[in-house]
N, C-alpha and C. Protein backbone atom coordinates (compact mmCIF):
# COMPACT_ATOMS: atom_id res chain seq x y z
N MET A 1 153.29 -0.66 106.68
CA MET A 1 153.14 0.68 107.21
C MET A 1 153.92 1.66 106.36
N THR A 2 153.38 2.84 106.26
CA THR A 2 154.08 3.88 105.52
C THR A 2 155.17 4.47 106.38
N TYR A 3 156.04 5.21 105.74
CA TYR A 3 157.15 5.86 106.44
C TYR A 3 156.62 6.79 107.52
N ARG A 4 155.59 7.58 107.20
CA ARG A 4 155.00 8.54 108.15
C ARG A 4 154.41 7.80 109.36
N ALA A 5 153.75 6.69 109.13
CA ALA A 5 153.16 5.92 110.23
C ALA A 5 154.24 5.35 111.14
N VAL A 6 155.34 4.91 110.57
CA VAL A 6 156.45 4.37 111.36
C VAL A 6 157.04 5.46 112.25
N ILE A 7 157.24 6.66 111.70
CA ILE A 7 157.79 7.78 112.47
C ILE A 7 156.83 8.15 113.60
N LEU A 8 155.53 8.23 113.30
CA LEU A 8 154.53 8.57 114.31
C LEU A 8 154.51 7.52 115.42
N PHE A 9 154.56 6.26 115.06
CA PHE A 9 154.55 5.18 116.05
C PHE A 9 155.80 5.25 116.93
N ALA A 10 156.96 5.49 116.31
CA ALA A 10 158.21 5.59 117.08
C ALA A 10 158.17 6.78 118.03
N SER A 11 157.59 7.89 117.59
CA SER A 11 157.48 9.07 118.46
C SER A 11 156.58 8.78 119.64
N PHE A 12 155.47 8.10 119.38
CA PHE A 12 154.53 7.75 120.46
C PHE A 12 155.20 6.84 121.48
N ILE A 13 155.93 5.85 121.02
CA ILE A 13 156.62 4.92 121.93
C ILE A 13 157.65 5.68 122.77
N SER A 14 158.42 6.57 122.16
CA SER A 14 159.44 7.30 122.92
C SER A 14 158.79 8.24 123.93
N MET A 15 157.67 8.88 123.58
CA MET A 15 156.98 9.77 124.52
C MET A 15 156.36 8.96 125.65
N SER A 16 155.85 7.76 125.36
CA SER A 16 155.30 6.91 126.41
C SER A 16 156.40 6.49 127.37
N ALA A 17 157.58 6.23 126.83
CA ALA A 17 158.71 5.88 127.69
C ALA A 17 159.07 7.04 128.60
N LEU A 18 158.99 8.28 128.08
CA LEU A 18 159.25 9.45 128.91
C LEU A 18 158.24 9.54 130.04
N ALA A 19 156.99 9.30 129.75
CA ALA A 19 155.94 9.38 130.77
C ALA A 19 156.18 8.33 131.83
N GLN A 20 156.56 7.12 131.41
CA GLN A 20 156.81 6.06 132.37
C GLN A 20 158.07 6.34 133.18
N ALA A 21 159.01 7.05 132.59
CA ALA A 21 160.26 7.36 133.28
C ALA A 21 160.10 8.52 134.25
N GLY A 22 158.92 9.14 134.29
CA GLY A 22 158.67 10.23 135.23
C GLY A 22 158.98 11.60 134.69
N GLU A 23 159.28 11.71 133.40
CA GLU A 23 159.57 13.02 132.81
C GLU A 23 158.27 13.65 132.33
N CYS A 24 157.53 14.20 133.26
CA CYS A 24 156.25 14.81 132.95
C CYS A 24 156.42 16.29 132.64
N VAL A 25 155.35 16.90 132.21
CA VAL A 25 155.34 18.32 131.89
C VAL A 25 155.40 19.13 133.18
N THR A 26 156.20 20.17 133.19
CA THR A 26 156.23 21.08 134.33
C THR A 26 155.84 22.47 133.85
N SER A 27 155.09 23.18 134.68
CA SER A 27 154.67 24.52 134.32
C SER A 27 154.18 25.24 135.56
N GLN A 28 154.48 26.52 135.64
CA GLN A 28 153.97 27.34 136.75
C GLN A 28 152.49 27.64 136.58
N THR A 29 151.94 27.32 135.41
CA THR A 29 150.52 27.60 135.15
C THR A 29 149.60 26.54 135.74
N LEU A 30 150.13 25.41 136.18
CA LEU A 30 149.29 24.33 136.70
C LEU A 30 148.51 24.78 137.93
N GLY A 31 147.26 24.33 138.03
CA GLY A 31 146.42 24.64 139.18
C GLY A 31 145.08 25.19 138.75
N VAL A 32 144.30 25.64 139.73
CA VAL A 32 143.00 26.25 139.48
C VAL A 32 143.16 27.76 139.63
N TRP A 33 142.77 28.49 138.61
CA TRP A 33 142.88 29.94 138.57
C TRP A 33 141.48 30.53 138.44
N GLU A 34 141.15 31.51 139.30
CA GLU A 34 139.82 32.08 139.31
C GLU A 34 139.84 33.58 139.06
N ASN A 35 138.75 34.07 138.46
CA ASN A 35 138.55 35.49 138.21
C ASN A 35 137.49 35.97 139.20
N PRO A 36 137.89 36.62 140.31
CA PRO A 36 136.91 37.03 141.32
C PRO A 36 136.01 38.18 140.86
N PHE A 37 136.36 38.82 139.76
CA PHE A 37 135.58 39.96 139.28
C PHE A 37 134.67 39.62 138.10
N ALA A 38 134.57 38.34 137.75
CA ALA A 38 133.69 37.93 136.65
C ALA A 38 132.25 38.16 137.05
N GLY A 39 131.46 38.55 136.12
CA GLY A 39 130.06 38.77 136.41
C GLY A 39 129.25 38.95 135.15
N HIS A 40 129.91 39.48 134.13
CA HIS A 40 129.22 39.66 132.86
C HIS A 40 129.16 38.32 132.13
N ARG A 41 128.11 38.16 131.36
CA ARG A 41 127.96 36.94 130.59
C ARG A 41 129.17 36.77 129.68
N GLU A 42 129.67 35.58 129.63
CA GLU A 42 130.84 35.20 128.83
C GLU A 42 132.17 35.66 129.40
N ASP A 43 132.19 36.24 130.60
CA ASP A 43 133.48 36.51 131.26
C ASP A 43 134.14 35.18 131.58
N LEU A 44 135.44 35.14 131.46
CA LEU A 44 136.20 33.97 131.86
C LEU A 44 136.20 33.93 133.39
N THR A 45 135.65 32.87 133.99
CA THR A 45 135.55 32.80 135.44
C THR A 45 136.61 31.91 136.08
N LYS A 46 137.04 30.87 135.36
CA LYS A 46 137.98 29.94 135.97
C LYS A 46 138.69 29.13 134.89
N LEU A 47 139.95 28.80 135.16
CA LEU A 47 140.71 27.87 134.34
C LEU A 47 141.25 26.78 135.25
N GLU A 48 141.01 25.54 134.89
CA GLU A 48 141.59 24.39 135.59
C GLU A 48 142.68 23.84 134.68
N ILE A 49 143.93 23.97 135.13
CA ILE A 49 145.07 23.57 134.31
C ILE A 49 145.79 22.43 135.02
N LYS A 50 145.87 21.29 134.34
CA LYS A 50 146.53 20.15 134.96
C LYS A 50 147.39 19.41 133.94
N GLU A 51 148.38 18.72 134.49
CA GLU A 51 149.23 17.91 133.62
C GLU A 51 148.63 16.51 133.54
N ILE A 52 148.74 15.93 132.37
CA ILE A 52 148.33 14.54 132.16
C ILE A 52 149.61 13.78 131.89
N CYS A 53 149.94 12.88 132.79
CA CYS A 53 151.19 12.14 132.68
C CYS A 53 150.97 10.73 133.21
N ASN A 54 150.81 9.80 132.29
CA ASN A 54 150.66 8.40 132.69
C ASN A 54 151.19 7.51 131.57
N ALA A 55 151.14 6.23 131.79
CA ALA A 55 151.69 5.28 130.82
C ALA A 55 150.80 5.12 129.58
N HIS A 56 149.61 5.70 129.60
CA HIS A 56 148.66 5.51 128.51
C HIS A 56 148.60 6.66 127.52
N THR A 57 149.32 7.73 127.76
CA THR A 57 149.26 8.89 126.88
C THR A 57 150.57 9.66 126.89
N VAL A 58 150.74 10.50 125.90
CA VAL A 58 151.90 11.39 125.83
C VAL A 58 151.70 12.49 126.88
N PRO A 59 152.72 12.85 127.65
CA PRO A 59 152.56 13.92 128.65
C PRO A 59 152.12 15.23 127.99
N HIS A 60 151.12 15.88 128.60
CA HIS A 60 150.62 17.14 128.07
C HIS A 60 149.89 17.92 129.16
N ILE A 61 149.55 19.16 128.83
CA ILE A 61 148.78 20.01 129.74
C ILE A 61 147.36 20.11 129.20
N GLN A 62 146.40 19.90 130.09
CA GLN A 62 144.99 19.97 129.73
C GLN A 62 144.35 21.16 130.45
N VAL A 63 143.55 21.94 129.73
CA VAL A 63 142.92 23.13 130.31
C VAL A 63 141.41 23.03 130.13
N LYS A 64 140.68 23.26 131.21
CA LYS A 64 139.23 23.34 131.18
C LYS A 64 138.86 24.78 131.51
N ALA A 65 138.14 25.42 130.58
CA ALA A 65 137.78 26.84 130.73
C ALA A 65 136.31 26.97 131.12
N TYR A 66 136.03 27.92 132.04
CA TYR A 66 134.67 28.20 132.49
C TYR A 66 134.33 29.66 132.20
N THR A 67 133.06 29.91 131.85
CA THR A 67 132.58 31.27 131.64
C THR A 67 131.34 31.51 132.48
N ALA A 68 131.02 32.78 132.72
CA ALA A 68 129.88 33.15 133.55
C ALA A 68 128.57 32.79 132.85
N CYS A 69 127.75 32.04 133.52
CA CYS A 69 126.41 31.65 133.07
C CYS A 69 125.52 31.61 134.31
N ALA A 70 124.24 31.44 134.11
CA ALA A 70 123.33 31.29 135.24
C ALA A 70 122.52 30.02 135.03
N PRO A 71 122.27 29.25 136.02
CA PRO A 71 122.54 29.46 137.44
C PRO A 71 123.95 29.04 137.86
N ARG A 72 124.72 28.40 136.97
CA ARG A 72 126.12 28.06 137.29
C ARG A 72 126.97 28.30 136.05
N ASP A 73 128.27 28.30 136.24
CA ASP A 73 129.18 28.57 135.14
C ASP A 73 129.05 27.53 134.02
N CYS A 74 129.27 28.00 132.80
CA CYS A 74 129.32 27.13 131.63
C CYS A 74 130.77 26.75 131.39
N THR A 75 131.00 25.74 130.58
CA THR A 75 132.36 25.36 130.24
C THR A 75 132.50 25.20 128.74
N TRP A 76 133.67 25.52 128.24
CA TRP A 76 133.98 25.28 126.84
C TRP A 76 134.54 23.89 126.66
N GLY A 77 134.73 23.17 127.75
CA GLY A 77 135.27 21.82 127.70
C GLY A 77 136.75 21.80 128.02
N ARG A 78 137.35 20.65 127.75
CA ARG A 78 138.78 20.46 127.98
C ARG A 78 139.50 20.46 126.65
N SER A 79 140.71 21.01 126.66
CA SER A 79 141.52 21.04 125.45
C SER A 79 142.99 20.94 125.83
N ILE A 80 143.79 20.47 124.91
CA ILE A 80 145.23 20.34 125.13
C ILE A 80 145.90 21.67 124.83
N ALA A 81 146.74 22.11 125.74
CA ALA A 81 147.44 23.39 125.60
C ALA A 81 148.76 23.22 124.86
N HIS A 82 149.18 24.30 124.25
CA HIS A 82 150.50 24.39 123.62
C HIS A 82 151.33 25.31 124.51
N GLN A 83 152.34 24.73 125.14
CA GLN A 83 153.13 25.46 126.11
C GLN A 83 154.24 26.23 125.41
N SER A 84 154.28 27.56 125.64
CA SER A 84 155.34 28.40 125.08
C SER A 84 156.61 28.28 125.92
N ASN A 85 156.43 28.39 127.24
CA ASN A 85 157.53 28.23 128.18
C ASN A 85 156.92 27.85 129.52
N ASP A 86 157.70 27.91 130.59
CA ASP A 86 157.23 27.47 131.91
C ASP A 86 156.13 28.37 132.48
N THR A 87 155.99 29.60 131.95
CA THR A 87 155.03 30.54 132.54
C THR A 87 153.92 30.97 131.58
N SER A 88 153.84 30.38 130.40
CA SER A 88 152.77 30.76 129.48
C SER A 88 152.35 29.60 128.60
N LEU A 89 151.10 29.69 128.12
CA LEU A 89 150.58 28.67 127.22
C LEU A 89 149.43 29.23 126.41
N GLU A 90 149.02 28.45 125.39
CA GLU A 90 147.90 28.82 124.53
C GLU A 90 147.03 27.59 124.32
N VAL A 91 145.72 27.79 124.32
CA VAL A 91 144.79 26.68 124.16
C VAL A 91 143.60 27.15 123.33
N GLY A 92 143.07 26.27 122.49
CA GLY A 92 141.95 26.64 121.63
C GLY A 92 140.72 25.79 121.91
N TYR A 93 139.55 26.40 121.68
CA TYR A 93 138.27 25.73 121.87
C TYR A 93 137.37 26.03 120.67
N ASN A 94 136.70 25.03 120.16
CA ASN A 94 135.68 25.23 119.13
C ASN A 94 134.33 25.20 119.83
N THR A 95 133.70 26.36 119.94
CA THR A 95 132.39 26.45 120.57
C THR A 95 131.34 26.62 119.47
N PHE A 96 130.09 26.67 119.89
CA PHE A 96 129.00 26.75 118.94
C PHE A 96 129.07 28.01 118.08
N PHE A 97 129.45 29.14 118.68
CA PHE A 97 129.44 30.41 117.97
C PHE A 97 130.80 30.86 117.45
N ALA A 98 131.89 30.32 118.01
CA ALA A 98 133.20 30.86 117.64
C ALA A 98 134.32 29.86 117.92
N ARG A 99 135.44 30.12 117.29
CA ARG A 99 136.71 29.47 117.64
C ARG A 99 137.35 30.40 118.65
N ARG A 100 137.60 29.90 119.86
CA ARG A 100 138.14 30.75 120.92
C ARG A 100 139.56 30.28 121.27
N THR A 101 140.46 31.25 121.32
CA THR A 101 141.84 30.96 121.68
C THR A 101 142.16 31.72 122.96
N VAL A 102 142.66 30.99 123.94
CA VAL A 102 143.01 31.58 125.23
C VAL A 102 144.53 31.51 125.37
N THR A 103 145.15 32.66 125.62
CA THR A 103 146.58 32.70 125.91
C THR A 103 146.73 33.19 127.34
N VAL A 104 147.61 32.54 128.08
CA VAL A 104 147.83 32.93 129.47
C VAL A 104 149.32 33.08 129.74
N SER A 105 149.61 33.95 130.70
CA SER A 105 150.99 34.09 131.16
C SER A 105 150.96 34.49 132.63
N ILE A 106 151.95 34.00 133.36
CA ILE A 106 152.08 34.30 134.77
C ILE A 106 152.79 35.65 134.89
N ASN A 107 152.22 36.51 135.73
CA ASN A 107 152.78 37.83 135.96
C ASN A 107 152.82 38.03 137.47
N GLY A 108 153.91 37.63 138.09
CA GLY A 108 154.00 37.68 139.55
C GLY A 108 153.11 36.61 140.15
N LYS A 109 152.13 37.02 140.98
CA LYS A 109 151.22 36.07 141.63
C LYS A 109 149.90 35.92 140.88
N ARG A 110 149.78 36.59 139.74
CA ARG A 110 148.53 36.54 139.01
C ARG A 110 148.76 35.95 137.62
N MET A 111 147.64 35.58 136.99
CA MET A 111 147.69 35.08 135.62
C MET A 111 146.94 36.06 134.74
N ASP A 112 147.59 36.51 133.68
CA ASP A 112 146.93 37.35 132.70
C ASP A 112 146.42 36.43 131.59
N ALA A 113 145.13 36.52 131.29
CA ALA A 113 144.51 35.68 130.25
C ALA A 113 143.86 36.57 129.20
N THR A 114 144.09 36.22 127.95
CA THR A 114 143.47 36.93 126.84
C THR A 114 142.67 35.91 126.04
N VAL A 115 141.43 36.27 125.72
CA VAL A 115 140.56 35.41 124.93
C VAL A 115 140.33 36.09 123.58
N TYR A 116 140.67 35.38 122.52
CA TYR A 116 140.41 35.84 121.16
C TYR A 116 139.20 35.07 120.63
N ASP A 117 138.14 35.77 120.26
CA ASP A 117 136.93 35.16 119.72
C ASP A 117 136.91 35.34 118.21
N ASP A 118 136.99 34.26 117.47
CA ASP A 118 136.91 34.27 116.01
C ASP A 118 135.53 33.69 115.65
N PHE A 119 134.55 34.56 115.47
CA PHE A 119 133.17 34.13 115.28
C PHE A 119 132.97 33.47 113.92
N HIS A 120 132.14 32.42 113.93
CA HIS A 120 131.83 31.70 112.69
C HIS A 120 130.99 32.56 111.75
N ASP A 121 130.17 33.44 112.30
CA ASP A 121 129.32 34.33 111.51
C ASP A 121 130.15 35.52 111.05
N PRO A 122 130.37 35.67 109.74
CA PRO A 122 131.22 36.77 109.25
C PRO A 122 130.63 38.16 109.52
N ARG A 123 129.36 38.23 109.86
CA ARG A 123 128.75 39.53 110.16
C ARG A 123 129.11 40.02 111.55
N LYS A 124 129.61 39.13 112.38
CA LYS A 124 129.96 39.51 113.75
C LYS A 124 131.47 39.76 113.83
N ALA A 125 131.82 40.90 114.39
CA ALA A 125 133.25 41.26 114.50
C ALA A 125 133.95 40.38 115.52
N ASN A 126 135.16 39.97 115.19
CA ASN A 126 135.98 39.20 116.12
C ASN A 126 136.36 40.09 117.30
N THR A 127 136.56 39.48 118.47
CA THR A 127 136.85 40.26 119.66
C THR A 127 138.08 39.73 120.38
N LYS A 128 138.60 40.59 121.25
CA LYS A 128 139.74 40.25 122.12
C LYS A 128 139.37 40.77 123.50
N ARG A 129 139.41 39.87 124.49
CA ARG A 129 139.07 40.24 125.86
C ARG A 129 140.19 39.82 126.80
N SER A 130 140.43 40.62 127.83
CA SER A 130 141.50 40.32 128.79
C SER A 130 140.93 40.16 130.18
N PHE A 131 141.53 39.24 130.94
CA PHE A 131 141.10 38.94 132.30
C PHE A 131 142.31 38.71 133.18
N VAL A 132 142.13 38.93 134.48
CA VAL A 132 143.15 38.63 135.48
C VAL A 132 142.59 37.53 136.36
N LEU A 133 143.37 36.46 136.54
CA LEU A 133 142.96 35.34 137.39
C LEU A 133 143.98 35.15 138.50
N TRP A 134 143.50 34.58 139.60
CA TRP A 134 144.35 34.34 140.78
C TRP A 134 144.28 32.87 141.14
N ARG A 135 145.40 32.32 141.59
CA ARG A 135 145.44 30.90 141.97
C ARG A 135 144.53 30.67 143.16
N LYS A 136 143.74 29.62 143.07
CA LYS A 136 142.82 29.28 144.15
C LYS A 136 143.54 28.59 145.28
């Protein structure tokens, strides 16, 4: 094994030990957050944020994002979040049309979410959209 592989393996073992020891990820962002005012196509309608903590993986936060579609909401899928602190995180999604980055932060009883759309087509301008979500 190379030096890098040994370090990676040792890190994985120590993180698995943390998960088994009960030291899971904590965050005020965990839960289901909904946007009651979504209605336009591609509005962020819901975020499902949960911790993954078991003996088979490194503890992390997983986010599933939903957008307004018909007849039911579409999803960008699940992705692993990068936690800034206990009240904010950032998560990225590679969709068919764009690389989308969602940043969220808790502001009192609500969650402020910003979606940055980095379109694959250089003719389309990148966008930034903001949404307010409430815990379900």
